Amino acid sequence: MSNEMNCGVFVPELDETYYVTDDILALFDRIESMSLLKTQRVLLKGPHGAGKTEMAMQFAARTKKSMLIMDCANLKEPRDWFGYKTIENGQIIWHESQFDKVVSSGNHVILLDEVNRVHPTILNTLIPLLDGRGFTYLEEKGSCITVGEGTVFFSTMNEGGVYTGTSSCDVAVRERLGQRIVEVSYLPKEKEIDVLVARTGIDEKAADSLVDIANQIRLKSTGIGSSFSEGFSTRQLLACAEDFVVGGPSTLTFTMTNLFSADGGTNSERASVLQLIQGKFGVVAPPVRKSKEPVKRAKTKLAAALSKISATFAESTIATDAAEK
């Protein structure tokens, strides 16, 4: 993420570890070229933690567009979109929202993240901005809000009964959120392994085992007679890999096993996950706190090595200066 951020507006950094298929790259190119003609809208759907938000960010990174992410779960009333009035020194002052500024200025990527967590009556206020009109009159402001040229809207949503606090979108709203709908799914096994290795430093064999476990859970979490109530996201796999690098298989107790219900004892989801883990890593011993002494010794050695390098460089510089004189 770019270090320069102005009230939530930023240019994301390109992440070479984020896997993008050729058809999605072609879609990115179409969106970018067509945004010069009219506002573009893309709806991203799919399981949680599969990379929907990242996909929108990587579009912004590749096109070098500034981006605003609206965390829709935080929006409770229309003023959260557009702004609000206050009275200061006897005068009515309109406080323009960052959303209004970005929408009006154009040439931005705006992500409506988890858009179906907004109450429908609040979401409906966006309809005029997202349809062919591209503007709406705001009585409180006393003027129109108009979508600027080059604006690209992305929306993400998680759908289903397991996602509490969400609302269903009717057809009219859904069509305005996305003239294109992208189904974001979990990565192919080889690519998911590559992501774990690149982002966490986990060895490839362990990454392969973790992805195998996740894929078995995913397979058994869909369809009639499914064994698991939910799948296992790439986002959570990354958390598993990060801890695994530091503490080994015992860390999976907290990053994988305990995510599932223990109801049912030996027939529970948790017991089933534990069996999958033991099938890959054997009987997992309880986590043991490791001494920090090896880390301290390593830091001391590193500091000494750096000091020696610095001293050698200084001596070399002095010798060079003397020779030149």
Protein backbone atom coordinates (compact mmCIF):
# COMPACT_ATOMS: atom_id res chain seq x y z
CA MET A 1 0.00 0.00 0.00
CA SER A 2 1.28 3.44 -0.88
CA ASN A 3 2.64 5.40 2.05
CA GLU A 4 0.78 8.49 0.83
CA MET A 5 -2.79 8.29 2.11
CA ASN A 6 -5.21 11.20 2.21
CA CYS A 7 -8.18 10.43 4.46
CA GLY A 8 -8.49 6.86 3.20
CA VAL A 9 -7.60 7.55 -0.45
CA PHE A 10 -4.50 5.70 -1.60
CA VAL A 11 -2.86 3.91 -4.53
CA PRO A 12 -2.40 0.22 -3.65
CA GLU A 13 0.93 -1.41 -4.34
CA LEU A 14 1.12 -4.15 -6.95
CA ASP A 15 1.32 -7.55 -5.26
CA GLU A 16 3.18 -10.00 -7.49
CA THR A 17 1.99 -12.89 -5.30
CA TYR A 18 -1.68 -12.21 -6.08
CA TYR A 19 -2.70 -14.70 -8.76
CA VAL A 20 -4.71 -13.24 -11.63
CA THR A 21 -5.94 -15.40 -14.51
CA ASP A 22 -5.63 -14.27 -18.12
CA ASP A 23 -9.37 -13.75 -18.45
CA ILE A 24 -9.39 -11.45 -15.40
CA LEU A 25 -6.44 -9.49 -16.82
CA ALA A 26 -8.39 -9.10 -20.06
CA LEU A 27 -11.39 -7.92 -18.02
CA PHE A 28 -9.19 -5.37 -16.23
CA ASP A 29 -8.08 -4.02 -19.62
CA ARG A 30 -11.69 -3.68 -20.82
CA ILE A 31 -12.78 -1.93 -17.64
CA GLU A 32 -9.89 0.51 -17.84
CA SER A 33 -10.48 1.43 -21.50
CA MET A 34 -14.28 1.65 -21.13
CA SER A 35 -14.05 3.78 -17.98
CA LEU A 36 -12.95 6.63 -20.26
CA LEU A 37 -16.41 6.49 -21.86
CA LYS A 38 -18.67 5.86 -18.87
CA THR A 39 -18.70 4.71 -15.26
CA GLN A 40 -17.82 1.04 -14.80
CA ARG A 41 -19.37 -1.25 -12.17
CA VAL A 42 -18.15 -4.70 -11.17
CA LEU A 43 -19.70 -7.02 -8.57
CA LEU A 44 -17.35 -9.55 -6.94
CA LYS A 45 -18.97 -12.63 -5.39
CA GLY A 46 -17.61 -15.80 -3.86
CA PRO A 47 -16.61 -17.45 -0.58
CA HIS A 48 -15.14 -15.37 2.24
CA GLY A 49 -11.38 -14.96 2.29
CA ALA A 50 -10.93 -15.90 -1.38
CA GLY A 51 -9.48 -12.54 -2.44
CA LYS A 52 -12.43 -10.37 -3.55
CA THR A 53 -11.21 -7.21 -1.84
CA GLU A 54 -7.67 -7.85 -3.04
CA MET A 55 -8.88 -8.21 -6.62
CA ALA A 56 -10.31 -4.69 -6.58
CA MET A 57 -7.11 -3.39 -4.99
CA GLN A 58 -4.96 -5.09 -7.62
CA PHE A 59 -7.02 -3.50 -10.39
CA ALA A 60 -6.27 -0.10 -8.85
CA ALA A 61 -2.59 -1.04 -8.48
CA ARG A 62 -2.27 -2.17 -12.10
CA THR A 63 -4.00 0.92 -13.44
CA LYS A 64 -2.28 3.23 -10.92
CA LYS A 65 -5.62 4.72 -9.92
CA SER A 66 -6.27 6.21 -6.48
CA MET A 67 -8.70 4.14 -4.45
CA LEU A 68 -11.27 4.62 -1.70
CA ILE A 69 -12.56 1.62 0.26
CA MET A 70 -15.98 2.08 1.83
CA ASP A 71 -16.41 -0.42 4.68
CA CYS A 72 -20.13 -0.82 4.24
CA ALA A 73 -20.73 -2.47 7.62
CA ASN A 74 -19.97 0.92 9.18
CA LEU A 75 -22.60 2.83 7.17
CA LYS A 76 -25.76 3.39 9.22
CA GLU A 77 -27.49 6.35 7.52
CA PRO A 78 -27.36 8.33 4.23
CA ARG A 79 -25.13 11.02 5.74
CA ASP A 80 -22.40 8.39 6.00
CA TRP A 81 -22.33 8.36 2.19
CA PHE A 82 -22.66 12.03 1.40
CA GLY A 83 -21.92 14.32 4.35
CA TYR A 84 -23.78 16.30 6.97
CA LYS A 85 -24.73 19.78 8.21
CA THR A 86 -23.56 21.55 11.34
CA ILE A 87 -24.14 25.03 12.74
CA GLU A 88 -20.93 26.94 13.45
CA ASN A 89 -20.95 30.56 14.66
CA GLY A 90 -24.59 30.86 13.65
CA GLN A 91 -23.95 29.62 10.11
CA ILE A 92 -25.00 26.35 8.51
CA ILE A 93 -21.94 24.48 7.29
CA TRP A 94 -22.04 21.51 4.93
CA HIS A 95 -19.33 18.92 5.61
CA GLU A 96 -18.62 17.07 2.39
CA SER A 97 -17.85 13.37 2.81
CA GLN A 98 -14.75 11.74 1.39
CA PHE A 99 -17.04 9.53 -0.70
CA ASP A 100 -18.62 12.62 -2.30
CA LYS A 101 -15.20 14.16 -2.99
CA VAL A 102 -13.84 11.01 -4.62
CA VAL A 103 -17.00 10.27 -6.63
CA SER A 104 -17.16 13.82 -7.95
CA SER A 105 -13.46 14.13 -8.80
CA GLY A 106 -13.45 11.08 -11.07
CA ASN A 107 -10.61 8.78 -12.17
CA HIS A 108 -10.81 6.78 -8.90
CA VAL A 109 -11.55 3.20 -7.96
CA ILE A 110 -14.27 3.01 -5.29
CA LEU A 111 -14.75 -0.28 -3.48
CA LEU A 112 -18.06 -0.87 -1.70
CA ASP A 113 -16.76 -3.65 0.52
CA GLU A 114 -19.35 -6.16 1.80
CA VAL A 115 -22.04 -4.00 0.30
CA ASN A 116 -24.90 -6.24 1.46
CA ARG A 117 -24.11 -5.35 5.08
CA VAL A 118 -25.71 -1.95 4.42
CA HIS A 119 -29.43 -1.77 5.17
CA PRO A 120 -31.36 -1.75 1.85
CA THR A 121 -32.89 1.67 2.56
CA ILE A 122 -29.40 3.15 2.91
CA LEU A 123 -28.08 1.32 -0.15
CA ASN A 124 -31.01 2.56 -2.24
CA THR A 125 -29.73 6.13 -1.97
CA LEU A 126 -26.86 5.13 -4.28
CA ILE A 127 -29.10 3.95 -7.11
CA PRO A 128 -29.07 7.25 -9.05
CA LEU A 129 -25.25 7.31 -8.95
CA LEU A 130 -24.92 3.74 -10.13
CA ASP A 131 -27.39 3.76 -13.01
CA GLY A 132 -27.30 5.59 -16.33
CA ARG A 133 -27.94 8.99 -14.77
CA GLY A 134 -24.77 9.12 -12.75
CA PHE A 135 -25.97 11.96 -10.54
CA THR A 136 -28.38 12.69 -7.72
CA TYR A 137 -29.72 15.88 -6.16
CA LEU A 138 -29.07 16.12 -2.44
CA GLU A 139 -31.54 18.40 -0.70
CA GLU A 140 -29.40 18.96 2.39
CA LYS A 141 -26.41 19.95 0.29
CA GLY A 142 -28.48 22.05 -2.08
CA SER A 143 -26.72 20.73 -5.17
CA CYS A 144 -26.10 17.62 -7.25
CA ILE A 145 -23.53 14.92 -6.71
CA THR A 146 -22.23 13.76 -10.09
CA VAL A 147 -20.00 10.77 -10.81
CA GLY A 148 -16.77 12.03 -12.37
CA GLU A 149 -15.24 10.62 -15.54
CA GLY A 150 -13.06 7.55 -15.25
CA THR A 151 -14.73 6.26 -12.07
CA VAL A 152 -14.77 2.50 -11.48
CA PHE A 153 -17.01 0.97 -8.81
CA PHE A 154 -16.24 -2.46 -7.37
CA SER A 155 -18.63 -4.10 -4.89
CA THR A 156 -18.06 -7.25 -2.87
CA MET A 157 -20.58 -9.40 -1.06
CA ASN A 158 -20.75 -12.61 0.93
CA GLU A 159 -24.07 -14.36 0.53
CA GLY A 160 -25.74 -17.13 2.53
CA GLY A 161 -27.22 -17.94 5.89
CA VAL A 162 -23.83 -18.28 7.60
CA TYR A 163 -23.17 -14.54 7.13
CA THR A 164 -25.16 -12.79 9.83
CA GLY A 165 -25.85 -9.09 9.48
CA THR A 166 -26.23 -9.24 5.71
CA SER A 167 -29.24 -8.38 3.56
CA SER A 168 -30.32 -9.72 0.20
CA CYS A 169 -30.15 -7.30 -2.73
CA ASP A 170 -33.07 -7.10 -5.12
CA VAL A 171 -32.54 -7.40 -8.87
CA ALA A 172 -32.64 -3.64 -9.48
CA VAL A 173 -29.89 -2.93 -6.96
CA ARG A 174 -27.82 -5.94 -8.03
CA GLU A 175 -27.84 -4.84 -11.68
CA ARG A 176 -26.69 -1.37 -10.70
CA LEU A 177 -23.91 -2.73 -8.49
CA GLY A 178 -22.46 -4.81 -11.28
CA GLN A 179 -22.89 -4.66 -15.02
CA ARG A 180 -20.36 -7.48 -14.75
CA ILE A 181 -20.31 -10.19 -12.06
CA VAL A 182 -17.07 -11.99 -11.22
CA GLU A 183 -17.16 -15.24 -9.25
CA VAL A 184 -13.99 -15.21 -7.14
CA SER A 185 -13.17 -18.75 -6.04
CA TYR A 186 -10.31 -20.40 -4.19
CA LEU A 187 -7.05 -20.78 -6.07
CA PRO A 188 -5.89 -23.93 -7.86
CA LYS A 189 -3.79 -26.05 -5.51
CA GLU A 190 -0.42 -25.20 -7.06
CA LYS A 191 -1.13 -21.47 -7.03
CA GLU A 192 -2.37 -21.50 -3.45
CA ILE A 193 0.83 -23.28 -2.39
CA ASP A 194 2.87 -20.65 -4.22
CA VAL A 195 1.03 -17.86 -2.38
CA LEU A 196 1.65 -19.45 1.03
CA VAL A 197 5.34 -19.93 0.30
CA ALA A 198 5.82 -16.44 -1.16
CA ARG A 199 3.98 -14.56 1.58
CA THR A 200 5.00 -16.50 4.68
CA GLY A 201 8.23 -18.34 3.89
CA ILE A 202 6.74 -21.72 4.79
CA ASP A 203 8.44 -24.67 3.10
CA GLU A 204 6.68 -26.11 0.08
CA LYS A 205 6.01 -29.55 1.60
CA ALA A 206 4.22 -28.09 4.62
CA ALA A 207 2.30 -25.66 2.38
CA ASP A 208 1.20 -28.59 0.22
CA SER A 209 -0.14 -30.40 3.29
CA LEU A 210 -2.02 -27.33 4.56
CA VAL A 211 -3.65 -26.73 1.18
CA ASP A 212 -4.65 -30.41 0.97
CA ILE A 213 -6.37 -30.16 4.36
CA ALA A 214 -8.14 -26.94 3.35
CA ASN A 215 -9.33 -28.45 0.07
CA GLN A 216 -10.75 -31.50 1.85
CA ILE A 217 -12.66 -29.23 4.23
CA ARG A 218 -13.94 -27.16 1.30
CA LEU A 219 -15.05 -30.27 -0.59
CA LYS A 220 -16.92 -31.60 2.44
CA SER A 221 -18.57 -28.27 3.27
CA THR A 222 -20.79 -28.14 0.17
CA GLY A 223 -23.72 -30.16 -1.05
CA ILE A 224 -26.19 -32.46 0.64
CA GLY A 225 -24.79 -34.35 3.62
CA SER A 226 -21.80 -32.05 3.98
CA SER A 227 -19.51 -32.78 6.94
CA PHE A 228 -18.50 -29.18 7.65
CA SER A 229 -20.69 -26.13 8.14
CA GLU A 230 -18.17 -23.84 6.42
CA GLY A 231 -15.12 -23.99 4.19
CA PHE A 232 -11.57 -22.85 4.85
CA SER A 233 -10.43 -19.59 3.33
CA THR A 234 -7.11 -18.65 1.77
CA ARG A 235 -6.98 -15.79 4.25
CA GLN A 236 -7.09 -18.26 7.16
CA LEU A 237 -4.59 -20.54 5.42
CA LEU A 238 -2.14 -17.65 5.40
CA ALA A 239 -2.65 -17.24 9.14
CA CYS A 240 -1.96 -20.97 9.57
CA ALA A 241 1.22 -20.75 7.53
CA GLU A 242 2.52 -17.70 9.41
CA ASP A 243 2.22 -19.45 12.78
CA PHE A 244 3.45 -22.74 11.35
CA VAL A 245 6.73 -21.14 10.27
CA VAL A 246 7.37 -20.06 13.86
CA GLY A 247 5.97 -22.98 15.87
CA GLY A 248 5.34 -25.95 13.58
CA PRO A 249 2.28 -28.26 13.47
CA SER A 250 1.32 -27.61 17.11
CA THR A 251 0.19 -24.09 16.16
CA LEU A 252 -2.63 -25.56 14.05
CA THR A 253 -4.59 -26.07 17.27
CA PHE A 254 -5.28 -22.33 17.32
CA THR A 255 -5.30 -21.48 13.60
CA MET A 256 -7.22 -24.46 12.26
CA THR A 257 -8.66 -27.01 14.73
CA ASN A 258 -10.32 -24.56 17.11
CA LEU A 259 -12.14 -22.78 14.28
CA PHE A 260 -14.56 -25.70 14.12
CA SER A 261 -17.25 -26.82 16.55
CA ALA A 262 -16.50 -29.48 19.15
CA ASP A 263 -20.20 -30.35 19.48
CA GLY A 264 -20.60 -34.08 18.98
CA GLY A 265 -17.35 -35.18 20.58
CA THR A 266 -15.55 -37.74 18.44
CA ASN A 267 -18.06 -37.10 15.62
CA SER A 268 -17.63 -33.33 15.71
CA GLU A 269 -16.25 -31.09 12.98
CA ARG A 270 -13.26 -30.38 15.21
CA ALA A 271 -12.47 -34.07 15.57
CA SER A 272 -12.67 -34.48 11.80
CA VAL A 273 -10.25 -31.59 11.24
CA LEU A 274 -7.87 -33.05 13.81
CA GLN A 275 -7.91 -36.35 11.90
CA LEU A 276 -7.01 -34.54 8.68
CA ILE A 277 -4.14 -32.75 10.42
CA GLN A 278 -2.82 -35.99 11.96
CA GLY A 279 -3.01 -37.64 8.55
CA LYS A 280 -0.54 -35.05 7.26
CA PHE A 281 1.63 -34.25 10.26
CA GLY A 282 1.15 -37.21 12.63
CA VAL A 283 0.07 -36.82 16.25
CA VAL A 284 0.42 -33.12 17.04
CA ALA A 285 1.97 -32.45 20.43
CA PRO A 286 0.57 -29.61 22.57
CA PRO A 287 2.23 -26.25 21.94
CA VAL A 288 5.35 -25.69 24.05
CA ARG A 289 6.70 -22.27 24.81
CA LYS A 290 10.18 -21.97 23.40
CA SER A 291 13.02 -20.17 25.10
CA LYS A 292 13.82 -16.75 23.71
CA GLU A 293 17.53 -17.31 24.31
CA PRO A 294 18.26 -18.68 20.81
CA VAL A 295 16.58 -15.60 19.33
CA LYS A 296 18.60 -13.30 21.59
CA ARG A 297 21.84 -15.08 20.64
CA ALA A 298 20.96 -14.80 16.96
CA LYS A 299 20.31 -11.07 17.32
CA THR A 300 23.63 -10.62 19.14
CA LYS A 301 25.51 -12.46 16.41
CA LEU A 302 23.77 -10.43 13.72
CA ALA A 303 24.60 -7.16 15.45
CA ALA A 304 28.25 -8.21 15.78
CA ALA A 305 28.41 -9.19 12.13
CA LEU A 306 26.90 -5.89 11.03
CA SER A 307 29.34 -4.00 13.27
CA LYS A 308 32.27 -5.88 11.73
CA ILE A 309 31.05 -5.14 8.20
CA SER A 310 30.64 -1.46 9.08
CA ALA A 311 34.16 -1.29 10.56
CA THR A 312 35.67 -3.02 7.53
CA PHE A 313 33.88 -0.61 5.20
CA ALA A 314 35.13 2.38 7.20
CA GLU A 315 38.72 1.13 7.12
CA SER A 316 38.45 0.54 3.37
CA THR A 317 37.13 4.07 2.85
CA ILE A 318 39.98 5.63 4.87
CA ALA A 319 42.55 3.60 2.94
CA THR A 320 41.03 4.66 -0.38
CA ASP A 321 41.02 8.33 0.62
CA ALA A 322 44.66 8.10 1.70
CA ALA A 323 45.67 6.49 -1.58
CA GLU A 324 43.90 9.19 -3.61
CA LYS A 325 45.74 11.90 -1.69
